[in-house]
Amino acid sequence: MSPKHLPQTGSADTPTAGFSLLPGEVPLTVRDAAVYLGVSIQTVYLWVERKQIPHLRVMGRNIRFLKSDLEPFRATFKQEVGIAKTE
């Protein structure tokens, strides 16, 4: 009973490209990911273009993110920002 517009996770026999939905997890839009990461929408699109952020392509054009994949990315991102601070 999954909606057609959400990515399919496949079964144990058919692995997907390293992504798996946790129970109850809903893919985030670019706007939602930007808010979650505390950056602009343009920054998220730039990271997607540079393949620096884990993402899914839905129907070829739509970009979605899994919060479970963004958590480690967010942690490393915050560390890098913290290191770059000047006093």
N, C-alpha and C. Protein backbone atom coordinates (compact mmCIF):
# COMPACT_ATOMS: atom_id res chain seq x y z
N MET A 1 0.82 -1.18 0.00
CA MET A 1 0.00 0.00 0.00
C MET A 1 0.87 1.25 0.00
N SER A 2 1.88 1.32 -0.89
CA SER A 2 2.72 2.52 -0.93
C SER A 2 2.28 3.40 -2.09
N PRO A 3 2.29 4.72 -1.88
CA PRO A 3 1.89 5.64 -2.95
C PRO A 3 2.84 5.53 -4.13
N LYS A 4 2.31 5.79 -5.32
CA LYS A 4 3.10 5.68 -6.54
C LYS A 4 4.23 6.71 -6.61
N HIS A 5 4.06 7.86 -5.95
CA HIS A 5 5.06 8.92 -6.07
C HIS A 5 6.25 8.74 -5.12
N LEU A 6 6.19 7.78 -4.20
CA LEU A 6 7.30 7.55 -3.29
C LEU A 6 8.22 6.48 -3.86
N PRO A 7 9.52 6.56 -3.57
CA PRO A 7 10.45 5.56 -4.08
C PRO A 7 10.16 4.20 -3.47
N GLN A 8 10.35 3.17 -4.25
CA GLN A 8 10.16 1.82 -3.78
C GLN A 8 11.48 1.33 -3.20
N THR A 9 11.41 0.61 -2.09
CA THR A 9 12.62 0.14 -1.44
C THR A 9 13.05 -1.22 -1.94
N GLY A 10 12.18 -1.94 -2.63
CA GLY A 10 12.53 -3.26 -3.13
C GLY A 10 12.45 -4.29 -2.03
N SER A 11 12.66 -5.53 -2.40
CA SER A 11 12.64 -6.61 -1.42
C SER A 11 14.07 -7.02 -1.11
N ALA A 12 14.20 -8.02 -0.27
CA ALA A 12 15.54 -8.49 0.09
C ALA A 12 16.26 -9.05 -1.14
N ASP A 13 15.50 -9.53 -2.13
CA ASP A 13 16.11 -10.09 -3.34
C ASP A 13 16.54 -9.01 -4.32
N THR A 14 15.95 -7.83 -4.22
CA THR A 14 16.26 -6.76 -5.17
C THR A 14 16.73 -5.52 -4.43
N PRO A 15 18.04 -5.44 -4.14
CA PRO A 15 18.53 -4.28 -3.41
C PRO A 15 18.43 -3.02 -4.25
N THR A 16 18.18 -1.90 -3.58
CA THR A 16 18.15 -0.61 -4.27
C THR A 16 19.53 0.02 -4.17
N ALA A 17 19.66 1.21 -4.64
CA ALA A 17 20.96 1.89 -4.72
C ALA A 17 21.44 2.33 -3.34
N GLY A 18 21.44 1.45 -2.35
CA GLY A 18 21.96 1.78 -1.05
C GLY A 18 20.99 2.52 -0.15
N PHE A 19 19.75 2.68 -0.57
CA PHE A 19 18.76 3.39 0.22
C PHE A 19 17.72 2.42 0.72
N SER A 20 17.31 2.61 1.96
CA SER A 20 16.20 1.82 2.48
C SER A 20 15.41 2.68 3.43
N LEU A 21 14.11 2.61 3.30
CA LEU A 21 13.22 3.37 4.16
C LEU A 21 13.07 2.67 5.50
N LEU A 22 13.21 3.42 6.57
CA LEU A 22 12.91 2.89 7.88
C LEU A 22 11.40 2.90 8.06
N PRO A 23 10.88 2.06 8.92
CA PRO A 23 9.42 2.08 9.13
C PRO A 23 8.94 3.47 9.53
N GLY A 24 7.95 3.97 8.82
CA GLY A 24 7.39 5.29 9.11
C GLY A 24 8.19 6.45 8.54
N GLU A 25 9.29 6.18 7.85
CA GLU A 25 10.11 7.25 7.30
C GLU A 25 9.52 7.75 5.98
N VAL A 26 9.40 9.07 5.87
CA VAL A 26 8.87 9.68 4.66
C VAL A 26 10.00 10.47 4.01
N PRO A 27 10.24 10.28 2.73
CA PRO A 27 11.31 11.04 2.06
C PRO A 27 11.05 12.54 2.15
N LEU A 28 12.12 13.31 2.35
CA LEU A 28 12.04 14.76 2.47
C LEU A 28 12.20 15.43 1.10
N THR A 29 11.54 16.55 0.93
CA THR A 29 11.73 17.37 -0.27
C THR A 29 13.01 18.18 -0.12
N VAL A 30 13.40 18.86 -1.18
CA VAL A 30 14.58 19.72 -1.12
C VAL A 30 14.38 20.80 -0.06
N ARG A 31 13.21 21.39 -0.03
CA ARG A 31 12.92 22.43 0.97
C ARG A 31 13.02 21.89 2.39
N ASP A 32 12.44 20.71 2.62
CA ASP A 32 12.50 20.09 3.95
C ASP A 32 13.94 19.77 4.35
N ALA A 33 14.72 19.26 3.40
CA ALA A 33 16.12 18.94 3.68
C ALA A 33 16.91 20.20 4.00
N ALA A 34 16.63 21.28 3.28
CA ALA A 34 17.32 22.55 3.54
C ALA A 34 17.03 23.05 4.96
N VAL A 35 15.78 22.96 5.36
CA VAL A 35 15.41 23.39 6.72
C VAL A 35 16.08 22.49 7.75
N TYR A 36 16.05 21.20 7.52
CA TYR A 36 16.66 20.24 8.45
C TYR A 36 18.16 20.49 8.60
N LEU A 37 18.82 20.81 7.49
CA LEU A 37 20.27 21.04 7.51
C LEU A 37 20.65 22.47 7.88
N GLY A 38 19.68 23.37 7.85
CA GLY A 38 19.97 24.77 8.19
C GLY A 38 20.71 25.51 7.10
N VAL A 39 20.45 25.16 5.85
CA VAL A 39 21.10 25.82 4.71
C VAL A 39 20.02 26.25 3.73
N SER A 40 20.41 26.97 2.68
CA SER A 40 19.46 27.41 1.68
C SER A 40 19.11 26.28 0.72
N ILE A 41 18.00 26.44 0.03
CA ILE A 41 17.58 25.48 -0.98
C ILE A 41 18.63 25.40 -2.08
N GLN A 42 19.20 26.54 -2.45
CA GLN A 42 20.23 26.56 -3.49
C GLN A 42 21.46 25.74 -3.09
N THR A 43 21.81 25.79 -1.81
CA THR A 43 22.95 25.00 -1.33
C THR A 43 22.67 23.51 -1.47
N VAL A 44 21.45 23.10 -1.13
CA VAL A 44 21.08 21.68 -1.27
C VAL A 44 21.18 21.26 -2.73
N TYR A 45 20.64 22.08 -3.64
CA TYR A 45 20.74 21.75 -5.08
C TYR A 45 22.20 21.67 -5.52
N LEU A 46 23.05 22.55 -5.02
CA LEU A 46 24.47 22.53 -5.36
C LEU A 46 25.12 21.23 -4.88
N TRP A 47 24.81 20.83 -3.66
CA TRP A 47 25.36 19.57 -3.13
C TRP A 47 24.87 18.38 -3.94
N VAL A 48 23.62 18.41 -4.37
CA VAL A 48 23.09 17.31 -5.20
C VAL A 48 23.84 17.27 -6.53
N GLU A 49 24.02 18.44 -7.14
CA GLU A 49 24.72 18.51 -8.42
C GLU A 49 26.14 17.99 -8.30
N ARG A 50 26.79 18.29 -7.19
CA ARG A 50 28.17 17.84 -6.97
C ARG A 50 28.24 16.44 -6.37
N LYS A 51 27.07 15.83 -6.14
CA LYS A 51 26.98 14.48 -5.55
C LYS A 51 27.65 14.43 -4.19
N GLN A 52 27.48 15.49 -3.40
CA GLN A 52 28.06 15.55 -2.07
C GLN A 52 27.07 15.15 -0.98
N ILE A 53 25.82 14.97 -1.33
CA ILE A 53 24.79 14.67 -0.34
C ILE A 53 23.99 13.46 -0.82
N PRO A 54 23.69 12.52 0.09
CA PRO A 54 22.91 11.35 -0.33
C PRO A 54 21.48 11.76 -0.71
N HIS A 55 21.03 11.34 -1.88
CA HIS A 55 19.70 11.72 -2.35
C HIS A 55 19.12 10.64 -3.25
N LEU A 56 17.83 10.77 -3.50
CA LEU A 56 17.10 9.87 -4.40
C LEU A 56 16.53 10.68 -5.53
N ARG A 57 16.47 10.10 -6.70
CA ARG A 57 15.77 10.72 -7.83
C ARG A 57 14.46 9.97 -8.03
N VAL A 58 13.36 10.68 -7.98
CA VAL A 58 12.05 10.08 -8.15
C VAL A 58 11.50 10.54 -9.49
N MET A 59 11.08 9.61 -10.31
CA MET A 59 10.53 9.93 -11.63
C MET A 59 11.52 10.74 -12.47
N GLY A 60 12.82 10.54 -12.24
CA GLY A 60 13.85 11.18 -13.05
C GLY A 60 14.22 12.59 -12.67
N ARG A 61 13.27 13.39 -12.17
CA ARG A 61 13.56 14.80 -11.90
C ARG A 61 13.44 15.18 -10.43
N ASN A 62 12.46 14.65 -9.77
CA ASN A 62 12.22 15.04 -8.38
C ASN A 62 13.31 14.47 -7.48
N ILE A 63 13.78 15.29 -6.57
CA ILE A 63 14.84 14.90 -5.66
C ILE A 63 14.24 14.72 -4.27
N ARG A 64 14.57 13.62 -3.63
CA ARG A 64 14.10 13.35 -2.28
C ARG A 64 15.28 12.89 -1.43
N PHE A 65 15.13 13.06 -0.13
CA PHE A 65 16.17 12.71 0.83
C PHE A 65 15.57 11.87 1.93
N LEU A 66 16.35 10.96 2.47
CA LEU A 66 15.94 10.19 3.62
C LEU A 66 16.60 10.81 4.85
N LYS A 67 15.79 11.09 5.86
CA LYS A 67 16.33 11.72 7.07
C LYS A 67 17.42 10.85 7.69
N SER A 68 17.24 9.54 7.62
CA SER A 68 18.24 8.62 8.18
C SER A 68 19.58 8.74 7.44
N ASP A 69 19.56 9.13 6.16
CA ASP A 69 20.80 9.34 5.41
C ASP A 69 21.37 10.73 5.65
N LEU A 70 20.50 11.69 5.97
CA LEU A 70 20.96 13.06 6.20
C LEU A 70 21.57 13.25 7.58
N GLU A 71 21.20 12.40 8.55
CA GLU A 71 21.72 12.57 9.91
C GLU A 71 23.24 12.50 9.96
N PRO A 72 23.89 11.46 9.38
CA PRO A 72 25.35 11.44 9.40
C PRO A 72 25.96 12.59 8.59
N PHE A 73 25.32 12.93 7.47
CA PHE A 73 25.80 14.05 6.65
C PHE A 73 25.75 15.34 7.46
N ARG A 74 24.65 15.55 8.18
CA ARG A 74 24.47 16.74 9.00
C ARG A 74 25.53 16.81 10.09
N ALA A 75 25.85 15.67 10.69
CA ALA A 75 26.86 15.63 11.75
C ALA A 75 28.24 16.04 11.21
N THR A 76 28.62 15.51 10.04
CA THR A 76 29.92 15.89 9.47
C THR A 76 29.91 17.34 9.01
N PHE A 77 28.77 17.78 8.48
CA PHE A 77 28.64 19.17 8.04
C PHE A 77 28.82 20.12 9.21
N LYS A 78 28.18 19.83 10.34
CA LYS A 78 28.30 20.69 11.52
C LYS A 78 29.72 20.69 12.07
N GLN A 79 30.40 19.55 12.00
CA GLN A 79 31.78 19.49 12.46
C GLN A 79 32.66 20.38 11.60
N GLU A 80 32.49 20.31 10.27
CA GLU A 80 33.30 21.12 9.37
C GLU A 80 33.05 22.60 9.60
N VAL A 81 31.80 22.99 9.81
CA VAL A 81 31.49 24.39 10.08
C VAL A 81 32.10 24.81 11.38
N GLY A 82 32.04 23.94 12.39
CA GLY A 82 32.61 24.26 13.70
C GLY A 82 34.11 24.45 13.62
N ILE A 83 34.79 23.64 12.82
CA ILE A 83 36.24 23.75 12.66
C ILE A 83 36.60 25.04 11.94
N ALA A 84 35.78 25.48 11.01
CA ALA A 84 36.10 26.64 10.19
C ALA A 84 35.85 27.96 10.91
N LYS A 85 35.25 27.94 12.10
CA LYS A 85 34.96 29.18 12.80
C LYS A 85 36.24 29.92 13.15
N THR A 86 36.19 31.22 13.06
CA THR A 86 37.33 32.05 13.44
C THR A 86 37.01 32.74 14.75
N GLU A 87 38.04 33.07 15.49
CA GLU A 87 37.83 33.74 16.78
C GLU A 87 38.15 35.20 16.69
